[in-house]
Amino acid sequence: MKGWPLRLKVTLWSVMVGALALLLFGGVVGVSLRRSTLSHMDSELRHESEDFFVSLREHPSPNLWQDQEEVRELFGLVRSLYTFDIEQPPGKSVYRTRSLGNTPLPSGSDDVPFTTTIDGQNVRVLQVTRNGVRVRVAADLGPIEQIESTLWITYAGLVPITLLFIALGGMWLSRKALSPVEQITAAAEHITAQRLEHRLPSPGTNDEIGRLTDVLNEMIARIRVSFEQARRFSADASHELKTPLTIIRGEIEASLRADQLPPALERTMLDLLEETGRLIYIVESLLILSQADAGKFTIELSPLEFTAFLDELIEDVEILATPRGITLSTEFEPGVQVNANVQFLRQVLLNLFDNAVKYNLPNGEIRARLVSSNGQAVFTICNTGANISSEDRTRIFDRFHRADRSRERATGGQGLGLSICREIIRAHGGEISLEPSDHGWTCFRFSLPLCEAPAPGV
């Protein structure tokens, strides 16, 4: 039940509790009814027994039991309702109701009613002994059992109907109770890093939902403040670091062009130049990401002949792939045009191709494909290589996340490339994703809106 909707679980619990309550109620009522009817019948049996002995005292004839007419008059109107078995002295039968024939009523303890079966019929029997005369009075339980059976059948028919009403009522109550939660959930889905100024709708009540909404809104406000501080720090730091790093790189390049450095110092300066380039890339990437977080990352778009642009770019990619024996195959639909920023789109494609080369197998393969579909230009790039784990697949576009940490220094990455690619593609009005692929293949896919206007050649 963990994955079931709360509304369904509330309804099911209502039905289960209702069913249990109905069973307990039916059991208690059934037992109480049974005890009440038996108690009433026992009282009637005692009353008839006492009336019998009162009538017997009024007929002290010693030959009473030989005169069947007098015995029948002794019992009066109760003959058709009860069965009698009389012994005098106890153990010697002197009279027995005709319906019993030669079968006596079972004996029991005096003044203690009990239930027994005679000829397949359940009867209630009371045995009383007075002044050497013992009488057993029995009443048929059939009518009572018939009433009980009718009640149970009726109750069994009403239970499903009652449970249906409980289920409908549970659904209505759960919908009514969870309606504010659904409104909060719908509003929370629209609160993103770029929309932290939004707040959850307050139900205007002082109940648990109202207090929860207030707490969540206060938490969002605190997150917004922290997020703004972090974004501002990232943007300010990026701006402040970019200029000195550019100066450092310029000084190192000037020193290398002088051709007056000893070989050992020249190698050191080359290493510094490489590391400075990495720092500049990180700073520029953080600046783009901070702008994207603030919703201020906008780029100028213009019509671009995407197919020709890719054909030109492939020549540079082959230079990277050839030393490792990687085979590059392409399938580009001709004449695909998009609105794009050439500089940023080149950065995305070079990053994807660079990853496809770095994380490929020796003598592996890269497949690139471009098609137009449903008003979108869809580009897919696949490369052979180790499978990406399910955990890494969900975090592949996270900042500073790297699926292959063991090769971090060897590949020279910082874990920002795919994050930058995602923000650039989003700024183009498209989406990028890691696609499900066959074993031993990794595939990325992004789409851009098609441009109907003629694009200049590249």
Protein backbone atom coordinates (compact mmCIF):
# COMPACT_ATOMS: atom_id res chain seq x y z
CA MET A 1 0.00 0.00 0.00
CA LYS A 2 3.04 2.32 0.17
CA GLY A 3 2.65 3.41 -3.43
CA TRP A 4 -1.13 3.93 -3.27
CA PRO A 5 -2.67 7.42 -3.23
CA LEU A 6 -3.56 8.71 0.23
CA ARG A 7 -7.17 9.21 -0.83
CA LEU A 8 -7.47 5.53 -1.75
CA LYS A 9 -5.81 4.45 1.50
CA VAL A 10 -8.19 6.61 3.56
CA THR A 11 -11.16 5.10 1.73
CA LEU A 12 -9.91 1.55 2.23
CA TRP A 13 -9.22 2.14 5.91
CA SER A 14 -12.71 3.59 6.30
CA VAL A 15 -14.22 0.50 4.71
CA MET A 16 -12.07 -1.81 6.85
CA VAL A 17 -12.95 -0.01 10.07
CA GLY A 18 -16.61 0.09 9.03
CA ALA A 19 -16.61 -3.62 8.22
CA LEU A 20 -15.01 -4.43 11.59
CA ALA A 21 -17.54 -2.24 13.39
CA LEU A 22 -20.43 -3.90 11.57
CA LEU A 23 -19.12 -7.37 12.40
CA LEU A 24 -18.68 -6.47 16.06
CA PHE A 25 -22.10 -4.82 16.15
CA GLY A 26 -23.74 -7.83 14.49
CA GLY A 27 -21.99 -10.23 16.85
CA VAL A 28 -22.95 -8.28 19.95
CA VAL A 29 -26.55 -7.85 18.79
CA GLY A 30 -26.81 -11.53 17.83
CA VAL A 31 -25.48 -12.75 21.17
CA SER A 32 -27.65 -10.28 23.09
CA LEU A 33 -30.75 -11.26 21.11
CA ARG A 34 -30.05 -14.94 21.66
CA ARG A 35 -29.58 -14.46 25.39
CA SER A 36 -32.67 -12.25 25.65
CA THR A 37 -34.95 -14.72 23.84
CA LEU A 38 -33.60 -17.69 25.81
CA SER A 39 -34.02 -15.77 29.06
CA HIS A 40 -37.59 -14.93 28.13
CA MET A 41 -38.30 -18.56 27.20
CA ASP A 42 -36.75 -19.79 30.43
CA SER A 43 -39.03 -17.46 32.36
CA GLU A 44 -42.03 -18.82 30.49
CA LEU A 45 -40.95 -22.41 31.20
CA ARG A 46 -40.63 -21.64 34.90
CA HIS A 47 -44.00 -19.94 34.88
CA GLU A 48 -45.64 -22.95 33.21
CA SER A 49 -43.94 -25.32 35.62
CA GLU A 50 -45.13 -23.37 38.64
CA ASP A 51 -48.66 -23.18 37.20
CA PHE A 52 -48.53 -26.94 36.74
CA PHE A 53 -47.76 -27.54 40.42
CA VAL A 54 -50.42 -25.03 41.49
CA SER A 55 -52.99 -26.84 39.35
CA LEU A 56 -51.75 -30.18 40.66
CA ARG A 57 -52.44 -29.14 44.27
CA GLU A 58 -56.00 -28.33 43.28
CA HIS A 59 -56.47 -31.88 41.91
CA PRO A 60 -55.25 -34.12 44.74
CA SER A 61 -56.94 -37.19 43.22
CA PRO A 62 -54.71 -40.26 43.73
CA ASN A 63 -55.81 -41.64 40.33
CA LEU A 64 -55.14 -38.45 38.47
CA TRP A 65 -52.51 -39.90 36.08
CA GLN A 66 -54.89 -42.68 34.97
CA ASP A 67 -57.44 -40.14 33.81
CA GLN A 68 -56.00 -38.62 30.65
CA GLU A 69 -58.84 -36.11 30.40
CA GLU A 70 -58.08 -34.67 33.82
CA VAL A 71 -54.39 -34.45 32.95
CA ARG A 72 -55.17 -32.55 29.78
CA GLU A 73 -57.43 -30.17 31.73
CA LEU A 74 -54.59 -29.75 34.20
CA PHE A 75 -52.40 -28.28 31.50
CA GLY A 76 -55.09 -26.13 29.97
CA LEU A 77 -54.22 -24.00 26.95
CA VAL A 78 -50.48 -24.61 27.05
CA ARG A 79 -50.73 -28.10 25.61
CA SER A 80 -50.15 -26.88 22.06
CA LEU A 81 -47.13 -24.76 23.02
CA TYR A 82 -45.14 -26.97 25.31
CA THR A 83 -44.17 -30.60 25.67
CA PHE A 84 -44.46 -32.29 29.09
CA ASP A 85 -42.94 -35.31 30.69
CA ILE A 86 -44.18 -36.13 34.25
CA GLU A 87 -42.67 -38.63 36.67
CA GLN A 88 -44.05 -39.72 40.07
CA PRO A 89 -41.98 -40.60 41.86
CA PRO A 90 -38.97 -39.24 39.95
CA GLY A 91 -37.82 -41.90 37.53
CA LYS A 92 -41.30 -43.38 36.96
CA SER A 93 -43.09 -41.84 33.98
CA VAL A 94 -46.79 -41.28 34.60
CA TYR A 95 -47.60 -38.91 31.74
CA ARG A 96 -45.92 -37.87 28.53
CA THR A 97 -47.13 -35.57 25.78
CA ARG A 98 -48.35 -37.60 22.82
CA SER A 99 -45.79 -35.98 20.46
CA LEU A 100 -42.98 -37.56 22.49
CA GLY A 101 -44.27 -41.09 22.00
CA ASN A 102 -42.08 -43.47 23.98
CA THR A 103 -39.11 -41.09 24.00
CA PRO A 104 -38.73 -39.26 27.32
CA LEU A 105 -37.36 -35.77 27.57
CA PRO A 106 -33.67 -35.77 28.62
CA SER A 107 -33.06 -35.33 32.33
CA GLY A 108 -31.09 -32.43 33.72
CA SER A 109 -30.46 -30.50 36.89
CA ASP A 110 -33.53 -29.11 38.63
CA ASP A 111 -34.39 -25.48 37.87
CA VAL A 112 -31.53 -25.20 35.34
CA PRO A 113 -32.78 -24.74 31.74
CA PHE A 114 -30.80 -26.42 29.00
CA THR A 115 -30.99 -26.92 25.24
CA THR A 116 -31.18 -30.33 23.58
CA THR A 117 -32.28 -31.92 20.31
CA ILE A 118 -35.33 -34.14 19.85
CA ASP A 119 -36.10 -35.63 16.44
CA GLY A 120 -33.80 -33.10 14.80
CA GLN A 121 -35.48 -30.16 16.51
CA ASN A 122 -33.74 -27.93 19.06
CA VAL A 123 -35.78 -27.55 22.22
CA ARG A 124 -35.37 -25.77 25.52
CA VAL A 125 -36.02 -27.96 28.58
CA LEU A 126 -36.63 -27.12 32.24
CA GLN A 127 -36.84 -29.82 34.91
CA VAL A 128 -38.60 -29.09 38.24
CA THR A 129 -39.21 -31.49 41.16
CA ARG A 130 -41.76 -30.75 43.88
CA ASN A 131 -43.22 -33.10 46.56
CA GLY A 132 -42.15 -36.28 44.78
CA VAL A 133 -43.39 -35.16 41.37
CA ARG A 134 -40.96 -34.29 38.60
CA VAL A 135 -42.04 -32.45 35.52
CA ARG A 136 -39.95 -31.57 32.47
CA VAL A 137 -41.35 -28.81 30.31
CA ALA A 138 -39.90 -28.29 26.80
CA ALA A 139 -40.47 -25.55 24.19
CA ASP A 140 -39.53 -25.71 20.51
CA LEU A 141 -36.70 -23.31 19.56
CA GLY A 142 -37.60 -23.50 15.86
CA PRO A 143 -39.59 -20.23 15.67
CA ILE A 144 -36.85 -18.34 17.50
CA GLU A 145 -34.15 -19.82 15.26
CA GLN A 146 -36.22 -18.93 12.20
CA ILE A 147 -36.43 -15.31 13.36
CA GLU A 148 -32.70 -15.26 14.05
CA SER A 149 -31.96 -16.74 10.62
CA THR A 150 -34.16 -14.14 8.93
CA LEU A 151 -32.42 -11.36 10.86
CA TRP A 152 -28.94 -12.65 9.93
CA ILE A 153 -29.86 -12.96 6.25
CA THR A 154 -31.24 -9.43 6.27
CA TYR A 155 -28.16 -8.16 8.10
CA ALA A 156 -25.83 -9.93 5.66
CA GLY A 157 -27.63 -8.26 2.77
CA LEU A 158 -27.40 -4.83 4.39
CA VAL A 159 -23.68 -5.06 5.21
CA PRO A 160 -22.42 -4.70 1.58
CA ILE A 161 -24.80 -1.79 1.00
CA THR A 162 -23.60 -0.14 4.20
CA LEU A 163 -19.95 -0.69 3.23
CA LEU A 164 -20.64 0.83 -0.17
CA PHE A 165 -22.05 3.95 1.48
CA ILE A 166 -19.04 4.02 3.83
CA ALA A 167 -16.69 3.79 0.83
CA LEU A 168 -18.49 6.60 -0.97
CA GLY A 169 -18.51 8.66 2.20
CA GLY A 170 -14.80 7.93 2.74
CA MET A 171 -14.00 9.04 -0.80
CA TRP A 172 -15.98 12.23 -0.36
CA LEU A 173 -14.44 13.01 3.02
CA SER A 174 -10.90 12.24 1.80
CA ARG A 175 -11.41 14.43 -1.27
CA LYS A 176 -12.75 17.20 0.95
CA ALA A 177 -9.96 16.84 3.52
CA LEU A 178 -7.13 16.49 0.97
CA SER A 179 -8.31 19.26 -1.34
CA PRO A 180 -6.13 21.89 0.44
CA VAL A 181 -3.17 19.47 0.27
CA GLU A 182 -3.66 19.03 -3.48
CA GLN A 183 -3.78 22.80 -3.93
CA ILE A 184 -0.56 23.14 -1.94
CA THR A 185 1.07 20.37 -3.98
CA ALA A 186 0.04 21.98 -7.28
CA ALA A 187 1.42 25.34 -6.13
CA ALA A 188 4.64 23.77 -4.83
CA GLU A 189 5.29 22.14 -8.21
CA HIS A 190 5.59 25.62 -9.76
CA ILE A 191 8.09 26.88 -7.17
CA THR A 192 11.56 26.54 -8.66
CA ALA A 193 14.92 28.21 -8.20
CA GLN A 194 13.71 30.93 -10.55
CA ARG A 195 10.34 31.30 -8.80
CA LEU A 196 11.20 31.42 -5.13
CA GLU A 197 9.10 34.57 -4.76
CA HIS A 198 5.97 32.45 -5.15
CA ARG A 199 4.16 31.21 -2.05
CA LEU A 200 1.78 28.39 -1.25
CA PRO A 201 -1.91 29.34 -1.04
CA SER A 202 -3.03 29.68 2.56
CA PRO A 203 -6.39 28.05 3.37
CA GLY A 204 -7.06 30.81 5.91
CA THR A 205 -7.74 28.34 8.73
CA ASN A 206 -6.00 27.64 12.01
CA ASP A 207 -5.96 23.88 11.58
CA GLU A 208 -3.05 21.53 10.79
CA ILE A 209 -3.15 22.36 7.06
CA GLY A 210 -3.06 26.09 7.75
CA ARG A 211 -0.11 25.78 10.13
CA LEU A 212 1.73 23.50 7.68
CA THR A 213 1.24 26.05 4.87
CA ASP A 214 2.58 28.86 7.06
CA VAL A 215 5.64 26.83 8.03
CA LEU A 216 6.37 25.89 4.41
CA ASN A 217 6.01 29.50 3.26
CA GLU A 218 8.42 30.63 5.96
CA MET A 219 10.85 27.91 4.89
CA ILE A 220 10.61 28.99 1.22
CA ALA A 221 11.31 32.58 2.28
CA ARG A 222 14.45 31.47 4.14
CA ILE A 223 15.54 29.37 1.15
CA ARG A 224 15.06 32.36 -1.14
CA VAL A 225 17.28 34.53 1.04
CA SER A 226 19.98 31.84 1.20
CA PHE A 227 19.71 31.16 -2.51
CA GLU A 228 20.00 34.85 -3.37
CA GLN A 229 23.05 35.17 -1.16
CA ALA A 230 24.71 32.15 -2.76
CA ARG A 231 23.85 33.29 -6.29
CA ARG A 232 25.08 36.80 -5.61
CA PHE A 233 28.31 35.47 -4.16
CA SER A 234 28.84 33.18 -7.15
CA ALA A 235 28.18 35.95 -9.64
CA ASP A 236 30.31 38.49 -7.78
CA ALA A 237 33.15 36.03 -7.29
CA SER A 238 33.05 35.05 -10.95
CA HIS A 239 33.19 38.68 -12.05
CA GLU A 240 35.98 39.51 -9.64
CA LEU A 241 38.08 36.45 -10.58
CA LYS A 242 37.66 36.68 -14.32
CA THR A 243 39.75 39.82 -14.80
CA PRO A 244 42.84 38.82 -12.74
CA LEU A 245 42.80 35.33 -14.25
CA THR A 246 42.72 36.83 -17.74
CA ILE A 247 45.66 39.08 -16.82
CA ILE A 248 47.59 36.12 -15.41
CA ARG A 249 47.00 34.14 -18.57
CA GLY A 250 48.15 37.08 -20.69
CA GLU A 251 51.34 37.49 -18.67
CA ILE A 252 52.13 33.77 -18.92
CA GLU A 253 51.55 33.80 -22.67
CA ALA A 254 53.79 36.88 -23.03
CA SER A 255 56.54 35.17 -21.06
CA LEU A 256 56.32 32.07 -23.22
CA ARG A 257 56.51 34.13 -26.40
CA ALA A 258 59.72 35.76 -25.24
CA ASP A 259 61.68 32.53 -25.81
CA GLN A 260 64.06 33.44 -22.98
CA LEU A 261 62.92 30.93 -20.37
CA PRO A 262 64.99 27.91 -19.30
CA PRO A 263 63.40 24.59 -20.37
CA ALA A 264 62.36 23.63 -16.82
CA LEU A 265 60.74 27.01 -16.18
CA GLU A 266 59.07 26.90 -19.58
CA ARG A 267 57.41 23.58 -18.72
CA THR A 268 56.24 25.05 -15.43
CA MET A 269 54.79 28.07 -17.20
CA LEU A 270 52.98 25.81 -19.67
CA ASP A 271 51.42 23.88 -16.79
CA LEU A 272 50.37 27.16 -15.16
CA LEU A 273 48.85 28.31 -18.43
CA GLU A 274 46.83 25.11 -18.67
CA GLU A 275 45.59 25.37 -15.09
CA THR A 276 44.78 29.05 -15.58
CA GLY A 277 42.71 28.11 -18.61
CA ARG A 278 40.80 25.62 -16.49
CA LEU A 279 40.16 28.26 -13.83
CA ILE A 280 38.90 30.71 -16.43
CA TYR A 281 36.55 28.02 -17.81
CA ILE A 282 35.21 27.31 -14.32
CA VAL A 283 34.69 31.01 -13.61
CA GLU A 284 32.89 31.58 -16.91
CA SER A 285 30.76 28.48 -16.31
CA LEU A 286 29.81 29.61 -12.81
CA LEU A 287 28.89 33.01 -14.19
CA ILE A 288 26.56 31.41 -16.74
CA LEU A 289 25.01 29.16 -14.09
CA SER A 290 24.47 32.03 -11.67
CA GLN A 291 22.78 34.02 -14.43
CA ALA A 292 20.60 31.02 -15.26
CA ASP A 293 19.65 30.61 -11.59
CA ALA A 294 18.60 34.24 -11.50
CA GLY A 295 16.62 33.84 -14.73
CA LYS A 296 18.88 36.38 -16.44
CA PHE A 297 20.75 34.10 -18.83
CA THR A 298 19.57 35.25 -22.23
CA ILE A 299 21.30 34.82 -25.57
CA GLU A 300 20.78 36.29 -28.99
CA LEU A 301 19.39 33.85 -31.52
CA SER A 302 19.59 33.98 -35.27
CA PRO A 303 18.71 31.58 -38.10
CA LEU A 304 21.34 28.86 -38.54
CA GLU A 305 21.81 26.11 -41.12
CA PHE A 306 22.24 23.37 -38.51
CA THR A 307 23.17 20.61 -40.95
CA ALA A 308 26.00 22.61 -42.54
CA PHE A 309 27.16 23.74 -39.10
CA LEU A 310 27.45 20.11 -37.98
CA ASP A 311 29.28 19.07 -41.15
CA GLU A 312 31.89 21.72 -40.47
CA LEU A 313 32.18 20.80 -36.79
CA ILE A 314 32.72 17.11 -37.57
CA GLU A 315 36.09 17.94 -39.15
CA ASP A 316 37.34 19.21 -35.78
CA VAL A 317 35.86 16.20 -33.93
CA GLU A 318 37.70 13.77 -36.21
CA ILE A 319 40.98 15.32 -35.09
CA LEU A 320 40.10 14.32 -31.50
CA ALA A 321 38.81 10.83 -32.39
CA THR A 322 41.51 9.65 -34.81
CA PRO A 323 44.40 9.28 -32.31
CA ARG A 324 42.32 6.79 -30.28
CA GLY A 325 41.15 4.84 -33.30
CA ILE A 326 37.51 5.88 -32.72
CA THR A 327 35.18 5.51 -35.69
CA LEU A 328 32.83 8.45 -36.27
CA SER A 329 29.65 7.87 -38.28
CA THR A 330 27.05 10.56 -38.99
CA GLU A 331 23.52 10.75 -40.37
CA PHE A 332 22.41 14.36 -40.81
CA GLU A 333 19.15 15.29 -42.47
CA PRO A 334 19.87 17.99 -45.04
CA GLY A 335 18.46 21.47 -44.78
CA VAL A 336 17.63 21.49 -41.06
CA GLN A 337 17.43 25.11 -39.85
CA VAL A 338 17.17 26.39 -36.27
CA ASN A 339 17.33 29.65 -34.34
CA ALA A 340 20.57 29.48 -32.40
CA ASN A 341 23.57 31.28 -31.02
CA VAL A 342 26.54 29.89 -32.93
CA GLN A 343 29.05 30.37 -30.13
CA PHE A 344 27.00 28.72 -27.42
CA LEU A 345 25.69 25.93 -29.67
CA ARG A 346 29.26 25.13 -30.69
CA GLN A 347 30.16 24.92 -27.00
CA VAL A 348 27.35 22.39 -26.40
CA LEU A 349 28.29 20.21 -29.37
CA LEU A 350 32.00 20.28 -28.63
CA ASN A 351 31.30 19.29 -25.03
CA LEU A 352 29.13 16.35 -26.11
CA PHE A 353 31.62 15.17 -28.74
CA ASP A 354 34.53 15.68 -26.33
CA ASN A 355 32.78 13.50 -23.71
CA ALA A 356 32.00 10.89 -26.37
CA VAL A 357 35.72 10.70 -27.16
CA LYS A 358 37.02 10.85 -23.59
CA TYR A 359 34.66 8.22 -22.20
CA ASN A 360 34.81 5.93 -25.23
CA LEU A 361 36.56 2.60 -25.54
CA PRO A 362 39.83 2.31 -27.47
CA ASN A 363 38.90 1.72 -31.12
CA GLY A 364 35.30 2.45 -30.16
CA GLU A 365 32.55 4.15 -32.11
CA ILE A 366 30.60 7.40 -32.11
CA ARG A 367 27.28 7.81 -33.91
CA ALA A 368 25.72 11.24 -34.48
CA ARG A 369 22.30 11.80 -35.99
CA LEU A 370 20.19 14.85 -36.84
CA VAL A 371 16.52 14.68 -37.88
CA SER A 372 13.56 17.03 -37.88
CA SER A 373 10.40 15.85 -36.12
CA ASN A 374 7.22 17.63 -34.96
CA GLY A 375 8.68 21.09 -35.40
CA GLN A 376 11.91 20.17 -33.61
CA ALA A 377 15.47 19.55 -34.73
CA VAL A 378 16.52 16.45 -32.81
CA PHE A 379 20.25 15.74 -32.40
CA THR A 380 21.41 12.44 -30.91
CA ILE A 381 24.98 11.40 -30.13
CA CYS A 382 25.88 7.88 -28.93
CA ASN A 383 29.24 6.38 -28.00
CA THR A 384 30.47 3.01 -26.88
CA GLY A 385 31.74 2.79 -23.33
CA ALA A 386 31.03 1.67 -19.78
CA ASN A 387 27.41 1.74 -18.63
CA ILE A 388 26.27 4.63 -16.45
CA SER A 389 24.76 3.50 -13.14
CA SER A 390 21.15 4.31 -12.32
CA GLU A 391 22.24 6.69 -9.53
CA ASP A 392 24.57 8.59 -11.88
CA ARG A 393 21.90 8.73 -14.59
CA THR A 394 19.62 10.73 -12.30
CA ARG A 395 22.44 13.16 -11.41
CA ILE A 396 24.27 13.36 -14.72
CA PHE A 397 23.30 17.05 -15.23
CA ASP A 398 24.02 18.08 -11.63
CA ARG A 399 26.79 20.61 -11.13
CA PHE A 400 30.22 19.21 -10.24
CA HIS A 401 28.88 15.67 -10.49
CA ARG A 402 31.05 13.20 -12.36
CA ALA A 403 30.03 9.64 -13.12
CA ASP A 404 33.64 8.50 -13.59
CA ARG A 405 35.57 9.96 -10.66
CA SER A 406 38.58 7.71 -11.19
CA ARG A 407 39.32 9.50 -14.49
CA GLU A 408 38.71 13.03 -13.27
CA ARG A 409 42.27 14.19 -13.64
CA ALA A 410 42.88 12.18 -16.78
CA THR A 411 39.94 13.73 -18.61
CA GLY A 412 40.51 17.18 -17.19
CA GLY A 413 36.82 17.87 -16.48
CA GLN A 414 35.22 19.70 -13.60
CA GLY A 415 31.72 18.26 -13.77
CA LEU A 416 30.21 21.48 -15.13
CA GLY A 417 30.05 20.69 -18.84
CA LEU A 418 26.69 18.97 -18.95
CA SER A 419 25.17 21.52 -16.55
CA ILE A 420 26.27 24.30 -18.90
CA CYS A 421 24.90 22.36 -21.87
CA ARG A 422 21.52 22.04 -20.22
CA GLU A 423 21.27 25.77 -19.47
CA ILE A 424 22.37 26.71 -22.99
CA ILE A 425 19.86 24.35 -24.60
CA ARG A 426 17.11 25.65 -22.33
CA ALA A 427 18.04 29.22 -23.31
CA HIS A 428 17.49 28.09 -26.92
CA GLY A 429 14.00 26.86 -26.00
CA GLY A 430 14.98 23.17 -26.15
CA GLU A 431 15.63 20.24 -23.83
CA ILE A 432 18.55 17.84 -23.38
CA SER A 433 18.46 14.39 -21.79
CA LEU A 434 20.37 11.16 -21.29
CA GLU A 435 18.48 8.60 -23.31
CA PRO A 436 17.89 4.90 -22.48
CA SER A 437 20.33 2.91 -24.63
CA ASP A 438 21.57 -0.58 -25.32
CA HIS A 439 24.18 -2.25 -23.15
CA GLY A 440 27.60 -0.74 -23.81
CA TRP A 441 26.25 2.50 -25.32
CA THR A 442 25.68 5.99 -23.92
CA CYS A 443 23.31 8.34 -25.76
CA PHE A 444 22.51 12.01 -25.27
CA ARG A 445 19.71 13.80 -27.09
CA PHE A 446 18.70 17.42 -27.39
CA SER A 447 16.04 19.20 -29.41
CA LEU A 448 15.76 22.76 -30.73
CA PRO A 449 12.78 24.48 -32.34
CA LEU A 450 12.97 24.53 -36.13
CA CYS A 451 13.35 27.82 -37.97
CA GLU A 452 11.30 28.35 -41.08
CA ALA A 453 13.19 31.45 -42.19
CA PRO A 454 16.16 30.93 -44.55
CA ALA A 455 19.41 30.55 -42.67
CA PRO A 456 22.77 31.78 -43.95
CA GLY A 457 25.38 29.16 -44.76
CA VAL A 458 28.12 28.40 -42.27
